[in-house]
PDB file of N, CA and C in Angstrom:
ATOM      1  N   MET A   1       3.063  -7.827  -4.512  1.00  0.00           N
ATOM      2  CA  MET A   1       1.653  -7.647  -4.266  1.00  0.00           C
ATOM      3  C   MET A   1       0.842  -8.543  -5.189  1.00  0.00           C
ATOM      4  N   VAL A   2       1.221  -8.592  -6.453  1.00  0.00           N
ATOM      5  CA  VAL A   2       0.501  -9.429  -7.410  1.00  0.00           C
ATOM      6  C   VAL A   2       0.649 -10.905  -7.038  1.00  0.00           C
ATOM      7  N   MET A   3       1.838 -11.283  -6.603  1.00  0.00           N
ATOM      8  CA  MET A   3       2.042 -12.674  -6.195  1.00  0.00           C
ATOM      9  C   MET A   3       1.192 -13.013  -4.968  1.00  0.00           C
ATOM     10  N   ALA A   4       1.054 -12.076  -4.039  1.00  0.00           N
ATOM     11  CA  ALA A   4       0.204 -12.297  -2.866  1.00  0.00           C
ATOM     12  C   ALA A   4      -1.249 -12.460  -3.293  1.00  0.00           C
ATOM     13  N   TRP A   5      -1.702 -11.598  -4.190  1.00  0.00           N
ATOM     14  CA  TRP A   5      -3.077 -11.685  -4.682  1.00  0.00           C
ATOM     15  C   TRP A   5      -3.328 -13.023  -5.354  1.00  0.00           C
ATOM     16  N   ALA A   6      -2.392 -13.438  -6.215  1.00  0.00           N
ATOM     17  CA  ALA A   6      -2.561 -14.705  -6.930  1.00  0.00           C
ATOM     18  C   ALA A   6      -2.576 -15.886  -5.956  1.00  0.00           C
ATOM     19  N   ALA A   7      -1.697 -15.865  -4.973  1.00  0.00           N
ATOM     20  CA  ALA A   7      -1.650 -16.955  -3.992  1.00  0.00           C
ATOM     21  C   ALA A   7      -2.931 -17.007  -3.175  1.00  0.00           C
ATOM     22  N   LEU A   8      -3.409 -15.856  -2.730  1.00  0.00           N
ATOM     23  CA  LEU A   8      -4.643 -15.830  -1.941  1.00  0.00           C
ATOM     24  C   LEU A   8      -5.839 -16.254  -2.783  1.00  0.00           C
ATOM     25  N   LYS A   9      -5.869 -15.837  -4.032  1.00  0.00           N
ATOM     26  CA  LYS A   9      -6.963 -16.224  -4.921  1.00  0.00           C
ATOM     27  C   LYS A   9      -6.963 -17.733  -5.158  1.00  0.00           C
ATOM     28  N   ALA A  10      -5.766 -18.327  -5.204  1.00  0.00           N
ATOM     29  CA  ALA A  10      -5.647 -19.766  -5.391  1.00  0.00           C
ATOM     30  C   ALA A  10      -5.891 -20.542  -4.094  1.00  0.00           C
ATOM     31  N   GLY A  11      -6.075 -19.830  -2.981  1.00  0.00           N
ATOM     32  CA  GLY A  11      -6.330 -20.483  -1.707  1.00  0.00           C
ATOM     33  C   GLY A  11      -5.080 -20.845  -0.933  1.00  0.00           C
ATOM     34  N   ASN A  12      -3.926 -20.374  -1.370  1.00  0.00           N
ATOM     35  CA  ASN A  12      -2.670 -20.664  -0.684  1.00  0.00           C
ATOM     36  C   ASN A  12      -2.403 -19.551   0.330  1.00  0.00           C
ATOM     37  N   LEU A  13      -3.002 -19.690   1.501  1.00  0.00           N
ATOM     38  CA  LEU A  13      -2.944 -18.643   2.518  1.00  0.00           C
ATOM     39  C   LEU A  13      -1.519 -18.418   3.025  1.00  0.00           C
ATOM     40  N   ALA A  14      -0.744 -19.473   3.209  1.00  0.00           N
ATOM     41  CA  ALA A  14       0.626 -19.326   3.725  1.00  0.00           C
ATOM     42  C   ALA A  14       1.488 -18.523   2.760  1.00  0.00           C
ATOM     43  N   ARG A  15       1.416 -18.852   1.466  1.00  0.00           N
ATOM     44  CA  ARG A  15       2.201 -18.103   0.472  1.00  0.00           C
ATOM     45  C   ARG A  15       1.687 -16.669   0.356  1.00  0.00           C
ATOM     46  N   GLY A  16       0.380 -16.479   0.433  1.00  0.00           N
ATOM     47  CA  GLY A  16      -0.190 -15.133   0.385  1.00  0.00           C
ATOM     48  C   GLY A  16       0.296 -14.273   1.541  1.00  0.00           C
ATOM     49  N   ARG A  17       0.322 -14.866   2.735  1.00  0.00           N
ATOM     50  CA  ARG A  17       0.822 -14.132   3.907  1.00  0.00           C
ATOM     51  C   ARG A  17       2.290 -13.757   3.722  1.00  0.00           C
ATOM     52  N   ALA A  18       3.086 -14.725   3.245  1.00  0.00           N
ATOM     53  CA  ALA A  18       4.515 -14.472   3.050  1.00  0.00           C
ATOM     54  C   ALA A  18       4.736 -13.360   2.028  1.00  0.00           C
ATOM     55  N   CYS A  19       3.994 -13.389   0.951  1.00  0.00           N
ATOM     56  CA  CYS A  19       4.139 -12.351  -0.087  1.00  0.00           C
ATOM     57  C   CYS A  19       3.709 -10.984   0.429  1.00  0.00           C
ATOM     58  N   LEU A  20       2.631 -10.939   1.213  1.00  0.00           N
ATOM     59  CA  LEU A  20       2.206  -9.664   1.803  1.00  0.00           C
ATOM     60  C   LEU A  20       3.257  -9.136   2.770  1.00  0.00           C
ATOM     61  N   LEU A  21       3.827 -10.026   3.549  1.00  0.00           N
ATOM     62  CA  LEU A  21       4.866  -9.604   4.496  1.00  0.00           C
ATOM     63  C   LEU A  21       6.072  -9.050   3.748  1.00  0.00           C
ATOM     64  N   TRP A  22       6.533  -9.760   2.713  1.00  0.00           N
ATOM     65  CA  TRP A  22       7.683  -9.280   1.945  1.00  0.00           C
ATOM     66  C   TRP A  22       7.371  -7.969   1.230  1.00  0.00           C
ATOM     67  N   THR A  23       6.170  -7.829   0.726  1.00  0.00           N
ATOM     68  CA  THR A  23       5.788  -6.572   0.081  1.00  0.00           C
ATOM     69  C   THR A  23       5.860  -5.424   1.079  1.00  0.00           C
ATOM     70  N   THR A  24       5.366  -5.648   2.280  1.00  0.00           N
ATOM     71  CA  THR A  24       5.397  -4.614   3.316  1.00  0.00           C
ATOM     72  C   THR A  24       6.831  -4.294   3.734  1.00  0.00           C
ATOM     73  N   VAL A  25       7.659  -5.313   3.887  1.00  0.00           N
ATOM     74  CA  VAL A  25       9.067  -5.111   4.271  1.00  0.00           C
ATOM     75  C   VAL A  25       9.803  -4.310   3.195  1.00  0.00           C
ATOM     76  N   LEU A  26       9.628  -4.696   1.942  1.00  0.00           N
ATOM     77  CA  LEU A  26      10.320  -3.993   0.857  1.00  0.00           C
ATOM     78  C   LEU A  26       9.798  -2.567   0.677  1.00  0.00           C
ATOM     79  N   ALA A  27       8.511  -2.375   0.869  1.00  0.00           N
ATOM     80  CA  ALA A  27       7.955  -1.020   0.772  1.00  0.00           C
ATOM     81  C   ALA A  27       8.507  -0.138   1.887  1.00  0.00           C
ATOM     82  N   THR A  28       8.622  -0.688   3.077  1.00  0.00           N
ATOM     83  CA  THR A  28       9.201   0.065   4.200  1.00  0.00           C
ATOM     84  C   THR A  28      10.666   0.383   3.928  1.00  0.00           C
ATOM     85  N   ALA A  29      11.395  -0.568   3.379  1.00  0.00           N
ATOM     86  CA  ALA A  29      12.802  -0.331   3.026  1.00  0.00           C
ATOM     87  C   ALA A  29      12.910   0.783   1.987  1.00  0.00           C
ATOM     88  N   PHE A  30      12.001   0.799   1.014  1.00  0.00           N
ATOM     89  CA  PHE A  30      12.000   1.863   0.013  1.00  0.00           C
ATOM     90  C   PHE A  30      11.825   3.231   0.680  1.00  0.00           C
ATOM     91  N   LEU A  31      10.885   3.334   1.619  1.00  0.00           N
ATOM     92  CA  LEU A  31      10.660   4.621   2.290  1.00  0.00           C
ATOM     93  C   LEU A  31      11.867   5.042   3.121  1.00  0.00           C
ATOM     94  N   VAL A  32      12.528   4.102   3.756  1.00  0.00           N
ATOM     95  CA  VAL A  32      13.730   4.430   4.537  1.00  0.00           C
ATOM     96  C   VAL A  32      14.832   4.936   3.612  1.00  0.00           C
ATOM     97  N   VAL A  33      15.038   4.258   2.494  1.00  0.00           N
ATOM     98  CA  VAL A  33      16.060   4.682   1.526  1.00  0.00           C
ATOM     99  C   VAL A  33      15.729   6.076   0.991  1.00  0.00           C
ATOM    100  N   LYS A  34      14.468   6.329   0.651  1.00  0.00           N
ATOM    101  CA  LYS A  34      14.073   7.652   0.148  1.00  0.00           C
ATOM    102  C   LYS A  34      14.312   8.726   1.205  1.00  0.00           C
ATOM    103  N   PHE A  35      14.004   8.418   2.471  1.00  0.00           N
ATOM    104  CA  PHE A  35      14.237   9.378   3.547  1.00  0.00           C
ATOM    105  C   PHE A  35      15.726   9.719   3.640  1.00  0.00           C
ATOM    106  N   LEU A  36      16.582   8.700   3.621  1.00  0.00           N
ATOM    107  CA  LEU A  36      18.025   8.933   3.699  1.00  0.00           C
ATOM    108  C   LEU A  36      18.522   9.712   2.478  1.00  0.00           C
ATOM    109  N   GLU A  37      17.974   9.380   1.318  1.00  0.00           N
ATOM    110  CA  GLU A  37      18.356  10.085   0.095  1.00  0.00           C
ATOM    111  C   GLU A  37      17.922  11.553   0.151  1.00  0.00           C
ATOM    112  N   TYR A  38      16.697  11.800   0.579  1.00  0.00           N
ATOM    113  CA  TYR A  38      16.212  13.181   0.718  1.00  0.00           C
ATOM    114  C   TYR A  38      17.107  13.963   1.678  1.00  0.00           C
ATOM    115  N   ARG A  39      17.421  13.343   2.815  1.00  0.00           N
ATOM    116  CA  ARG A  39      18.243  14.024   3.815  1.00  0.00           C
ATOM    117  C   ARG A  39      19.608  14.393   3.244  1.00  0.00           C
ATOM    118  N   ALA A  40      20.215  13.482   2.496  1.00  0.00           N
ATOM    119  CA  ALA A  40      21.520  13.759   1.897  1.00  0.00           C
ATOM    120  C   ALA A  40      21.431  14.890   0.878  1.00  0.00           C
ATOM    121  N   HIS A  41      20.369  14.910   0.077  1.00  0.00           N
ATOM    122  CA  HIS A  41      20.194  15.980  -0.904  1.00  0.00           C
ATOM    123  C   HIS A  41      19.973  17.334  -0.223  1.00  0.00           C
ATOM    124  N   ILE A  42      19.162  17.344   0.803  1.00  0.00           N
ATOM    125  CA  ILE A  42      18.840  18.611   1.480  1.00  0.00           C
ATOM    126  C   ILE A  42      20.078  19.183   2.159  1.00  0.00           C
ATOM    127  N   VAL A  43      20.904  18.315   2.758  1.00  0.00           N
ATOM    128  CA  VAL A  43      22.124  18.771   3.440  1.00  0.00           C
ATOM    129  C   VAL A  43      23.042  19.506   2.477  1.00  0.00           C
ATOM    130  N   ILE A  44      23.148  19.043   1.226  1.00  0.00           N
ATOM    131  CA  ILE A  44      24.059  19.701   0.274  1.00  0.00           C
ATOM    132  C   ILE A  44      23.362  20.800  -0.536  1.00  0.00           C
ATOM    133  N   GLY A  45      22.104  21.087  -0.193  1.00  0.00           N
ATOM    134  CA  GLY A  45      21.422  22.208  -0.831  1.00  0.00           C
ATOM    135  C   GLY A  45      20.561  21.868  -2.034  1.00  0.00           C
ATOM    136  N   ASP A  46      20.364  20.601  -2.309  1.00  0.00           N
ATOM    137  CA  ASP A  46      19.505  20.205  -3.419  1.00  0.00           C
ATOM    138  C   ASP A  46      18.049  20.178  -2.949  1.00  0.00           C
ATOM    139  N   VAL A  47      17.448  21.347  -2.895  1.00  0.00           N
ATOM    140  CA  VAL A  47      16.076  21.497  -2.421  1.00  0.00           C
ATOM    141  C   VAL A  47      15.165  21.835  -3.605  1.00  0.00           C
ATOM    142  N   PRO A  48      13.858  21.680  -3.448  1.00  0.00           N
ATOM    143  CA  PRO A  48      12.939  21.949  -4.560  1.00  0.00           C
ATOM    144  C   PRO A  48      13.049  23.358  -5.145  1.00  0.00           C
ATOM    145  N   SER A  49      13.400  24.326  -4.333  1.00  0.00           N
ATOM    146  CA  SER A  49      13.481  25.708  -4.834  1.00  0.00           C
ATOM    147  C   SER A  49      14.760  25.970  -5.635  1.00  0.00           C
ATOM    148  N   ARG A  50      15.675  25.008  -5.670  1.00  0.00           N
ATOM    149  CA  ARG A  50      16.940  25.207  -6.378  1.00  0.00           C
ATOM    150  C   ARG A  50      16.738  25.292  -7.889  1.00  0.00           C
ATOM    151  N   ASP A  51      16.007  24.321  -8.457  1.00  0.00           N
ATOM    152  CA  ASP A  51      15.741  24.339  -9.897  1.00  0.00           C
ATOM    153  C   ASP A  51      14.558  23.420 -10.210  1.00  0.00           C
ATOM    154  N   ASN A  52      14.171  23.396 -11.471  1.00  0.00           N
ATOM    155  CA  ASN A  52      13.013  22.603 -11.880  1.00  0.00           C
ATOM    156  C   ASN A  52      13.244  21.105 -11.719  1.00  0.00           C
ATOM    157  N   PHE A  53      14.489  20.666 -11.925  1.00  0.00           N
ATOM    158  CA  PHE A  53      14.761  19.235 -11.772  1.00  0.00           C
ATOM    159  C   PHE A  53      14.403  18.759 -10.371  1.00  0.00           C
ATOM    160  N   PHE A  54      14.916  19.468  -9.346  1.00  0.00           N
ATOM    161  CA  PHE A  54      14.661  19.024  -7.981  1.00  0.00           C
ATOM    162  C   PHE A  54      13.206  19.254  -7.573  1.00  0.00           C
ATOM    163  N   ALA A  55      12.568  20.261  -8.105  1.00  0.00           N
ATOM    164  CA  ALA A  55      11.141  20.461  -7.840  1.00  0.00           C
ATOM    165  C   ALA A  55      10.347  19.265  -8.376  1.00  0.00           C
ATOM    166  N   THR A  56      10.678  18.839  -9.595  1.00  0.00           N
ATOM    167  CA  THR A  56       9.994  17.694 -10.194  1.00  0.00           C
ATOM    168  C   THR A  56      10.364  16.404  -9.471  1.00  0.00           C
ATOM    169  N   TYR A  57      11.633  16.258  -9.153  1.00  0.00           N
ATOM    170  CA  TYR A  57      12.112  15.058  -8.462  1.00  0.00           C
ATOM    171  C   TYR A  57      11.393  14.866  -7.131  1.00  0.00           C
ATOM    172  N   TYR A  58      11.364  15.913  -6.306  1.00  0.00           N
ATOM    173  CA  TYR A  58      10.711  15.793  -5.001  1.00  0.00           C
ATOM    174  C   TYR A  58       9.212  15.587  -5.141  1.00  0.00           C
ATOM    175  N   THR A  59       8.601  16.216  -6.126  1.00  0.00           N
ATOM    176  CA  THR A  59       7.158  16.047  -6.329  1.00  0.00           C
ATOM    177  C   THR A  59       6.835  14.613  -6.719  1.00  0.00           C
ATOM    178  N   LEU A  60       7.512  14.091  -7.732  1.00  0.00           N
ATOM    179  CA  LEU A  60       7.204  12.743  -8.211  1.00  0.00           C
ATOM    180  C   LEU A  60       7.559  11.668  -7.184  1.00  0.00           C
ATOM    181  N   THR A  61       8.754  11.754  -6.613  1.00  0.00           N
ATOM    182  CA  THR A  61       9.137  10.725  -5.645  1.00  0.00           C
ATOM    183  C   THR A  61       8.344  10.870  -4.341  1.00  0.00           C
ATOM    184  N   GLY A  62       7.971  12.102  -4.003  1.00  0.00           N
ATOM    185  CA  GLY A  62       7.142  12.317  -2.819  1.00  0.00           C
ATOM    186  C   GLY A  62       5.748  11.722  -2.985  1.00  0.00           C
ATOM    187  N   LEU A  63       5.148  11.932  -4.156  1.00  0.00           N
ATOM    188  CA  LEU A  63       3.836  11.334  -4.419  1.00  0.00           C
ATOM    189  C   LEU A  63       3.925   9.813  -4.440  1.00  0.00           C
ATOM    190  N   HIS A  64       4.991   9.287  -5.012  1.00  0.00           N
ATOM    191  CA  HIS A  64       5.171   7.839  -5.000  1.00  0.00           C
ATOM    192  C   HIS A  64       5.339   7.335  -3.570  1.00  0.00           C
ATOM    193  N   GLY A  65       6.072   8.081  -2.751  1.00  0.00           N
ATOM    194  CA  GLY A  65       6.232   7.711  -1.347  1.00  0.00           C
ATOM    195  C   GLY A  65       4.900   7.695  -0.606  1.00  0.00           C
ATOM    196  N   LEU A  66       4.030   8.675  -0.897  1.00  0.00           N
ATOM    197  CA  LEU A  66       2.690   8.682  -0.283  1.00  0.00           C
ATOM    198  C   LEU A  66       1.899   7.452  -0.717  1.00  0.00           C
ATOM    199  N   HIS A  67       2.008   7.098  -1.994  1.00  0.00           N
ATOM    200  CA  HIS A  67       1.328   5.916  -2.514  1.00  0.00           C
ATOM    201  C   HIS A  67       1.835   4.656  -1.802  1.00  0.00           C
ATOM    202  N   VAL A  68       3.130   4.544  -1.650  1.00  0.00           N
ATOM    203  CA  VAL A  68       3.726   3.382  -0.986  1.00  0.00           C
ATOM    204  C   VAL A  68       3.302   3.346   0.480  1.00  0.00           C
ATOM    205  N   PHE A  69       3.332   4.483   1.159  1.00  0.00           N
ATOM    206  CA  PHE A  69       2.924   4.539   2.561  1.00  0.00           C
ATOM    207  C   PHE A  69       1.461   4.132   2.718  1.00  0.00           C
ATOM    208  N   GLY A  70       0.602   4.638   1.830  1.00  0.00           N
ATOM    209  CA  GLY A  70      -0.808   4.244   1.857  1.00  0.00           C
ATOM    210  C   GLY A  70      -0.974   2.748   1.654  1.00  0.00           C
ATOM    211  N   GLY A  71      -0.170   2.173   0.772  1.00  0.00           N
ATOM    212  CA  GLY A  71      -0.212   0.730   0.562  1.00  0.00           C
ATOM    213  C   GLY A  71       0.207  -0.041   1.795  1.00  0.00           C
ATOM    214  N   ILE A  72       1.224   0.445   2.480  1.00  0.00           N
ATOM    215  CA  ILE A  72       1.672  -0.206   3.716  1.00  0.00           C
ATOM    216  C   ILE A  72       0.552  -0.182   4.757  1.00  0.00           C
ATOM    217  N   VAL A  73      -0.080   0.977   4.898  1.00  0.00           N
ATOM    218  CA  VAL A  73      -1.174   1.102   5.870  1.00  0.00           C
ATOM    219  C   VAL A  73      -2.314   0.149   5.512  1.00  0.00           C
ATOM    220  N   MET A  74      -2.701   0.123   4.248  1.00  0.00           N
ATOM    221  CA  MET A  74      -3.806  -0.735   3.828  1.00  0.00           C
ATOM    222  C   MET A  74      -3.445  -2.214   3.978  1.00  0.00           C
ATOM    223  N   MET A  75      -2.254  -2.605   3.538  1.00  0.00           N
ATOM    224  CA  MET A  75      -1.863  -4.013   3.664  1.00  0.00           C
ATOM    225  C   MET A  75      -1.818  -4.443   5.122  1.00  0.00           C
ATOM    226  N   THR A  76      -1.289  -3.585   5.976  1.00  0.00           N
ATOM    227  CA  THR A  76      -1.208  -3.916   7.393  1.00  0.00           C
ATOM    228  C   THR A  76      -2.602  -4.028   7.997  1.00  0.00           C
ATOM    229  N   THR A  77      -3.451  -3.051   7.713  1.00  0.00           N
ATOM    230  CA  THR A  77      -4.804  -3.043   8.260  1.00  0.00           C
ATOM    231  C   THR A  77      -5.611  -4.247   7.793  1.00  0.00           C
ATOM    232  N   LEU A  78      -5.536  -4.547   6.510  1.00  0.00           N
ATOM    233  CA  LEU A  78      -6.327  -5.643   5.972  1.00  0.00           C
ATOM    234  C   LEU A  78      -5.714  -7.009   6.252  1.00  0.00           C
ATOM    235  N   SER A  79      -4.438  -7.073   6.569  1.00  0.00           N
ATOM    236  CA  SER A  79      -3.765  -8.351   6.826  1.00  0.00           C
ATOM    237  C   SER A  79      -3.804  -8.767   8.282  1.00  0.00           C
ATOM    238  N   LEU A  80      -4.029  -7.827   9.185  1.00  0.00           N
ATOM    239  CA  LEU A  80      -3.968  -8.166  10.607  1.00  0.00           C
ATOM    240  C   LEU A  80      -4.862  -9.335  10.993  1.00  0.00           C
ATOM    241  N   PRO A  81      -6.107  -9.411  10.544  1.00  0.00           N
ATOM    242  CA  PRO A  81      -6.926 -10.564  10.945  1.00  0.00           C
ATOM    243  C   PRO A  81      -6.341 -11.894  10.478  1.00  0.00           C
ATOM    244  N   ALA A  82      -5.697 -11.915   9.324  1.00  0.00           N
ATOM    245  CA  ALA A  82      -5.118 -13.162   8.820  1.00  0.00           C
ATOM    246  C   ALA A  82      -3.797 -13.482   9.514  1.00  0.00           C
ATOM    247  N   LEU A  83      -3.076 -12.461   9.935  1.00  0.00           N
ATOM    248  CA  LEU A  83      -1.757 -12.674  10.533  1.00  0.00           C
ATOM    249  C   LEU A  83      -1.817 -12.924  12.033  1.00  0.00           C
ATOM    250  N   ALA A  84      -2.805 -12.336  12.700  1.00  0.00           N
ATOM    251  CA  ALA A  84      -2.909 -12.475  14.152  1.00  0.00           C
ATOM    252  C   ALA A  84      -4.191 -13.244  14.492  1.00  0.00           C
ATOM    253  N   PRO A  85      -4.068 -14.474  14.949  1.00  0.00           N
ATOM    254  CA  PRO A  85      -5.263 -15.278  15.246  1.00  0.00           C
ATOM    255  C   PRO A  85      -6.202 -14.623  16.254  1.00  0.00           C
ATOM    256  N   SER A  86      -5.676 -13.815  17.153  1.00  0.00           N
ATOM    257  CA  SER A  86      -6.537 -13.179  18.157  1.00  0.00           C
ATOM    258  C   SER A  86      -7.480 -12.160  17.530  1.00  0.00           C
ATOM    259  N   LEU A  87      -7.172 -11.719  16.326  1.00  0.00           N
ATOM    260  CA  LEU A  87      -8.044 -10.757  15.655  1.00  0.00           C
ATOM    261  C   LEU A  87      -9.054 -11.428  14.728  1.00  0.00           C
ATOM    262  N   ASN A  88      -9.064 -12.751  14.674  1.00  0.00           N
ATOM    263  CA  ASN A  88      -9.992 -13.435  13.787  1.00  0.00           C
ATOM    264  C   ASN A  88     -11.445 -13.185  14.144  1.00  0.00           C
ATOM    265  N   ALA A  89     -11.746 -12.918  15.407  1.00  0.00           N
ATOM    266  CA  ALA A  89     -13.123 -12.610  15.782  1.00  0.00           C
ATOM    267  C   ALA A  89     -13.569 -11.335  15.094  1.00  0.00           C
ATOM    268  N   TRP A  90     -12.683 -10.349  15.001  1.00  0.00           N
ATOM    269  CA  TRP A  90     -13.018  -9.106  14.296  1.00  0.00           C
ATOM    270  C   TRP A  90     -13.287  -9.385  12.827  1.00  0.00           C
ATOM    271  N   ALA A  91     -12.479 -10.258  12.223  1.00  0.00           N
ATOM    272  CA  ALA A  91     -12.623 -10.550  10.796  1.00  0.00           C
ATOM    273  C   ALA A  91     -13.948 -11.229  10.496  1.00  0.00           C
ATOM    274  N   THR A  92     -14.411 -12.077  11.388  1.00  0.00           N
ATOM    275  CA  THR A  92     -15.654 -12.798  11.111  1.00  0.00           C
ATOM    276  C   THR A  92     -16.884 -11.964  11.430  1.00  0.00           C
ATOM    277  N   THR A  93     -16.748 -10.920  12.248  1.00  0.00           N
ATOM    278  CA  THR A  93     -17.903 -10.091  12.565  1.00  0.00           C
ATOM    279  C   THR A  93     -17.947  -8.814  11.742  1.00  0.00           C
ATOM    280  N   SER A  94     -16.952  -8.602  10.918  1.00  0.00           N
ATOM    281  CA  SER A  94     -16.902  -7.392  10.095  1.00  0.00           C
ATOM    282  C   SER A  94     -18.029  -7.404   9.067  1.00  0.00           C
ATOM    283  N   THR A  95     -18.554  -6.235   8.765  1.00  0.00           N
ATOM    284  CA  THR A  95     -19.613  -6.141   7.763  1.00  0.00           C
ATOM    285  C   THR A  95     -19.041  -6.071   6.350  1.00  0.00           C
ATOM    286  N   LEU A  96     -17.736  -5.898   6.232  1.00  0.00           N
ATOM    287  CA  LEU A  96     -17.114  -5.850   4.914  1.00  0.00           C
ATOM    288  C   LEU A  96     -16.815  -7.266   4.449  1.00  0.00           C
ATOM    289  N   ARG A  97     -17.260  -7.592   3.273  1.00  0.00           N
ATOM    290  CA  ARG A  97     -17.018  -8.909   2.699  1.00  0.00           C
ATOM    291  C   ARG A  97     -16.382  -8.743   1.330  1.00  0.00           C
ATOM    292  N   PRO A  98     -15.457  -9.629   0.960  1.00  0.00           N
ATOM    293  CA  PRO A  98     -14.850  -9.520  -0.364  1.00  0.00           C
ATOM    294  C   PRO A  98     -15.869  -9.827  -1.459  1.00  0.00           C
ATOM    295  N   VAL A  99     -15.715  -9.171  -2.587  1.00  0.00           N
ATOM    296  CA  VAL A  99     -16.570  -9.431  -3.732  1.00  0.00           C
ATOM    297  C   VAL A  99     -15.931 -10.554  -4.516  1.00  0.00           C
ATOM    298  N   THR A 100     -16.675 -11.626  -4.752  1.00  0.00           N
ATOM    299  CA  THR A 100     -16.129 -12.759  -5.488  1.00  0.00           C
ATOM    300  C   THR A 100     -17.019 -13.081  -6.670  1.00  0.00           C
ATOM    301  N   GLY A 101     -16.412 -13.631  -7.687  1.00  0.00           N
ATOM    302  CA  GLY A 101     -17.166 -14.102  -8.831  1.00  0.00           C
ATOM    303  C   GLY A 101     -17.593 -13.041  -9.820  1.00  0.00           C
ATOM    304  N   THR A 102     -17.162 -11.794  -9.637  1.00  0.00           N
ATOM    305  CA  THR A 102     -17.511 -10.743 -10.580  1.00  0.00           C
ATOM    306  C   THR A 102     -16.250 -10.065 -11.056  1.00  0.00           C
ATOM    307  N   PRO A 103     -16.211  -9.685 -12.320  1.00  0.00           N
ATOM    308  CA  PRO A 103     -15.031  -8.986 -12.816  1.00  0.00           C
ATOM    309  C   PRO A 103     -14.929  -7.590 -12.219  1.00  0.00           C
ATOM    310  N   LEU A 104     -13.731  -7.066 -12.244  1.00  0.00           N
ATOM    311  CA  LEU A 104     -13.466  -5.746 -11.675  1.00  0.00           C
ATOM    312  C   LEU A 104     -14.318  -4.665 -12.330  1.00  0.00           C
ATOM    313  N   THR A 105     -14.620  -4.813 -13.615  1.00  0.00           N
ATOM    314  CA  THR A 105     -15.378  -3.772 -14.307  1.00  0.00           C
ATOM    315  C   THR A 105     -16.766  -3.601 -13.727  1.00  0.00           C
ATOM    316  N   GLU A 106     -17.344  -4.659 -13.177  1.00  0.00           N
ATOM    317  CA  GLU A 106     -18.668  -4.546 -12.582  1.00  0.00           C
ATOM    318  C   GLU A 106     -18.619  -3.835 -11.239  1.00  0.00           C
ATOM    319  N   ASN A 107     -17.442  -3.737 -10.645  1.00  0.00           N
ATOM    320  CA  ASN A 107     -17.304  -3.123  -9.329  1.00  0.00           C
ATOM    321  C   ASN A 107     -16.820  -1.677  -9.391  1.00  0.00           C
ATOM    322  N   ARG A 108     -16.665  -1.137 -10.574  1.00  0.00           N
ATOM    323  CA  ARG A 108     -16.135   0.226 -10.680  1.00  0.00           C
ATOM    324  C   ARG A 108     -16.961   1.263  -9.926  1.00  0.00           C
ATOM    325  N   PRO A 109     -18.286   1.234  -9.986  1.00  0.00           N
ATOM    326  CA  PRO A 109     -19.008   2.255  -9.215  1.00  0.00           C
ATOM    327  C   PRO A 109     -18.703   2.182  -7.727  1.00  0.00           C
ATOM    328  N   SER A 110     -18.593   0.974  -7.166  1.00  0.00           N
ATOM    329  CA  SER A 110     -18.307   0.875  -5.742  1.00  0.00           C
ATOM    330  C   SER A 110     -16.863   1.303  -5.448  1.00  0.00           C
ATOM    331  N   LEU A 111     -15.932   0.993  -6.334  1.00  0.00           N
ATOM    332  CA  LEU A 111     -14.550   1.446  -6.145  1.00  0.00           C
ATOM    333  C   LEU A 111     -14.474   2.967  -6.239  1.00  0.00           C
ATOM    334  N   LEU A 112     -15.186   3.534  -7.174  1.00  0.00           N
ATOM    335  CA  LEU A 112     -15.206   4.983  -7.320  1.00  0.00           C
ATOM    336  C   LEU A 112     -15.821   5.624  -6.086  1.00  0.00           C
ATOM    337  N   THR A 113     -16.913   5.058  -5.599  1.00  0.00           N
ATOM    338  CA  THR A 113     -17.571   5.600  -4.417  1.00  0.00           C
ATOM    339  C   THR A 113     -16.637   5.533  -3.206  1.00  0.00           C
ATOM    340  N   ALA A 114     -15.957   4.401  -3.030  1.00  0.00           N
ATOM    341  CA  ALA A 114     -15.032   4.265  -1.903  1.00  0.00           C
ATOM    342  C   ALA A 114     -13.889   5.279  -2.009  1.00  0.00           C
ATOM    343  N   THR A 115     -13.393   5.489  -3.211  1.00  0.00           N
ATOM    344  CA  THR A 115     -12.316   6.454  -3.409  1.00  0.00           C
ATOM    345  C   THR A 115     -12.788   7.862  -3.085  1.00  0.00           C
ATOM    346  N   MET A 116     -13.967   8.217  -3.572  1.00  0.00           N
ATOM    347  CA  MET A 116     -14.487   9.564  -3.328  1.00  0.00           C
ATOM    348  C   MET A 116     -14.755   9.793  -1.834  1.00  0.00           C
ATOM    349  N   ILE A 117     -15.270   8.765  -1.156  1.00  0.00           N
ATOM    350  CA  ILE A 117     -15.534   8.903   0.285  1.00  0.00           C
ATOM    351  C   ILE A 117     -14.226   9.095   1.043  1.00  0.00           C
ATOM    352  N   SER A 118     -13.184   8.334   0.654  1.00  0.00           N
ATOM    353  CA  SER A 118     -11.912   8.456   1.363  1.00  0.00           C
ATOM    354  C   SER A 118     -11.244   9.797   1.100  1.00  0.00           C
ATOM    355  N   LEU A 119     -11.495  10.408  -0.050  1.00  0.00           N
ATOM    356  CA  LEU A 119     -10.908  11.710  -0.350  1.00  0.00           C
ATOM    357  C   LEU A 119     -11.714  12.852   0.244  1.00  0.00           C
ATOM    358  N   GLY A 120     -12.994  12.627   0.442  1.00  0.00           N
ATOM    359  CA  GLY A 120     -13.879  13.714   0.830  1.00  0.00           C
ATOM    360  C   GLY A 120     -14.005  13.934   2.263  1.00  0.00           C
TER     361      GLY A 120
END
């Protein structure tokens, strides 16, 4: 993800696309592996109610899985206009524009507002 950001910031669209694609592929592979791992644990009785270890394990890895899934959704949604030329009309008519030339600290109120709106 960081490599994709750096490539896109440098104007290297091809490398940025490739890095986003690989990030999405690897994130999907992680979720598939976690699903198979969960299934194997559940079959042999390693469920959250068994003990504190498995309760903590499922909680932490489950939350991480939600984070990864959310990232996949966001990367896919935000990458479609760049990856599919037929969607470029949507990208140019969108009211959302990237913030450029300002440090992240100046954008915290807008990031906080977006987070609160998405949670609420």
